[in-house]
Amino acid sequence: MNPRLVPLACASALSLGTSGCDRIPGTEAYAIREAERRVAAELIDPQSAVFSDVVAYGAQHERVCGMINGRNRMGGYAGPVRFVSTVSLTVIEPTGNDAEDYPAGVCLFEAATAFYCAEQLGPAISTAGC
């Protein structure tokens, strides 16, 4: 599809009360849907994924950040945590025992969010303190 026609197609779909822009590659909705699919796959129960505050960054919407909540091994929701997703990287914020047992993981996650979750790519990731 012609890239210039994508916004028009999405606007037409929205005016008709239908959706489908999340199925058109190159759109923000598509990037978010694909990122949510990648992030949910990391959960114990991917079907339980609940997303919030999801934002796509970059001219091609290649970086997606937000919050995810999902069921834990006990069947209850664990509470929302941050995530970062690109085509080649998907990371969920370490919490609880993971954060305590692997503090470098927390440091690396913070570096990744500072780099990827901004309109312009952040400064080079410094892992010196990790």
Protein backbone atom coordinates (compact mmCIF):
# COMPACT_ATOMS: atom_id res chain seq x y z
CA MET A 1 0.00 0.00 0.00
CA ASN A 2 1.20 3.47 -0.82
CA PRO A 3 2.55 5.02 2.46
CA ARG A 4 0.71 8.25 1.67
CA LEU A 5 -2.60 6.41 1.58
CA VAL A 6 -2.19 4.71 4.99
CA PRO A 7 -3.39 7.71 7.08
CA LEU A 8 -6.32 8.16 4.69
CA ALA A 9 -7.25 4.49 4.92
CA CYS A 10 -7.08 4.58 8.72
CA ALA A 11 -9.11 7.80 8.88
CA SER A 12 -11.73 6.26 6.59
CA ALA A 13 -11.88 3.10 8.70
CA LEU A 14 -12.31 5.13 11.88
CA SER A 15 -15.05 7.29 10.36
CA LEU A 16 -16.95 4.15 9.39
CA GLY A 17 -16.68 2.85 12.94
CA THR A 18 -14.41 -0.01 11.96
CA SER A 19 -10.85 -0.74 12.91
CA GLY A 20 -8.06 -2.50 11.15
CA CYS A 21 -5.20 -0.01 11.17
CA ASP A 22 -3.46 -2.40 13.55
CA ARG A 23 -3.20 -4.77 10.58
CA ILE A 24 -1.46 -2.27 8.26
CA PRO A 25 2.36 -2.46 8.53
CA GLY A 26 3.97 0.92 9.10
CA THR A 27 1.16 2.34 11.21
CA GLU A 28 1.50 3.15 14.88
CA ALA A 29 -1.39 0.81 15.71
CA TYR A 30 0.37 -2.06 13.94
CA ALA A 31 3.65 -1.39 15.78
CA ILE A 32 1.83 -1.35 19.13
CA ARG A 33 -0.10 -4.55 18.38
CA GLU A 34 3.09 -6.38 17.38
CA ALA A 35 4.97 -5.10 20.45
CA GLU A 36 2.11 -6.19 22.73
CA ARG A 37 2.21 -9.64 21.12
CA ARG A 38 5.98 -9.90 21.74
CA VAL A 39 5.69 -8.70 25.36
CA ALA A 40 2.71 -10.93 26.20
CA ALA A 41 4.67 -13.95 24.93
CA GLU A 42 7.14 -13.39 27.80
CA LEU A 43 4.44 -13.90 30.46
CA ILE A 44 3.54 -17.13 32.23
CA ASP A 45 -0.05 -16.63 30.98
CA PRO A 46 0.12 -14.56 27.76
CA GLN A 47 -3.69 -14.50 27.45
CA SER A 48 -3.94 -12.57 30.73
CA ALA A 49 -1.90 -9.60 29.48
CA VAL A 50 -3.42 -6.20 30.23
CA PHE A 51 -1.62 -3.22 28.70
CA SER A 52 -1.69 0.45 29.69
CA ASP A 53 0.17 3.68 28.92
CA VAL A 54 1.53 2.20 25.68
CA VAL A 55 3.43 4.66 23.47
CA ALA A 56 5.26 4.13 20.18
CA TYR A 57 8.41 6.17 19.54
CA GLY A 58 10.44 6.87 16.42
CA ALA A 59 9.56 7.89 12.88
CA GLN A 60 8.71 4.29 12.02
CA HIS A 61 7.14 3.56 15.43
CA GLU A 62 10.00 1.09 15.94
CA ARG A 63 10.21 1.48 19.72
CA VAL A 64 7.25 0.76 22.00
CA CYS A 65 7.14 1.33 25.76
CA GLY A 66 4.39 0.97 28.32
CA MET A 67 3.00 -1.01 31.22
CA ILE A 68 1.86 -4.63 31.37
CA ASN A 69 0.02 -6.63 34.00
CA GLY A 70 -0.46 -10.38 33.89
CA ARG A 71 -1.29 -13.38 36.00
CA ASN A 72 1.44 -14.97 38.09
CA ARG A 73 1.92 -18.66 38.94
CA MET A 74 -0.71 -18.36 41.70
CA GLY A 75 -3.31 -17.11 39.20
CA GLY A 76 -3.52 -13.57 40.55
CA TYR A 77 -2.46 -10.44 38.77
CA ALA A 78 1.09 -9.49 39.72
CA GLY A 79 0.70 -5.72 39.29
CA PRO A 80 1.72 -3.51 36.38
CA VAL A 81 5.36 -3.26 35.38
CA ARG A 82 7.12 -1.36 32.61
CA PHE A 83 8.25 -2.87 29.33
CA VAL A 84 10.38 -1.90 26.33
CA SER A 85 9.96 -3.56 22.95
CA THR A 86 11.69 -3.21 19.60
CA VAL A 87 11.85 -5.70 16.74
CA SER A 88 15.06 -7.16 18.19
CA LEU A 89 14.59 -6.54 21.93
CA THR A 90 11.75 -7.16 24.38
CA VAL A 91 12.37 -6.52 28.06
CA ILE A 92 10.02 -6.50 31.05
CA GLU A 93 11.06 -4.67 34.21
CA PRO A 94 12.53 -7.06 36.80
CA THR A 95 10.56 -7.05 40.06
CA GLY A 96 10.44 -8.92 43.36
CA ASN A 97 12.93 -11.77 43.66
CA ASP A 98 14.23 -11.13 40.14
CA ALA A 99 15.18 -7.59 41.10
CA GLU A 100 16.73 -8.70 44.40
CA ASP A 101 18.64 -11.64 42.91
CA TYR A 102 19.81 -9.78 39.84
CA PRO A 103 20.29 -6.05 40.57
CA ALA A 104 22.28 -5.65 37.35
CA GLY A 105 19.08 -6.55 35.48
CA VAL A 106 17.33 -3.58 37.06
CA CYS A 107 20.21 -1.33 36.09
CA LEU A 108 20.19 -2.61 32.51
CA PHE A 109 16.40 -2.16 32.28
CA GLU A 110 16.71 1.45 33.45
CA ALA A 111 19.41 2.05 30.83
CA ALA A 112 17.19 0.52 28.12
CA THR A 113 14.19 2.67 29.06
CA ALA A 114 16.33 5.82 29.11
CA PHE A 115 17.63 4.97 25.64
CA TYR A 116 14.51 3.65 23.86
CA CYS A 117 11.55 5.35 25.57
CA ALA A 118 11.98 8.89 24.28
CA GLU A 119 11.05 10.70 21.08
CA GLN A 120 14.73 10.90 20.14
CA LEU A 121 17.00 7.97 20.97
CA GLY A 122 18.69 8.69 24.26
CA PRO A 123 22.41 8.93 24.90
CA ALA A 124 24.48 5.81 24.45
CA ILE A 125 23.60 3.22 27.06
CA SER A 126 26.04 3.29 29.92
CA THR A 127 26.22 0.03 31.80
CA ALA A 128 29.28 1.01 33.84
CA GLY A 129 27.39 0.91 37.14
CA CYS A 130 25.59 -2.34 36.38
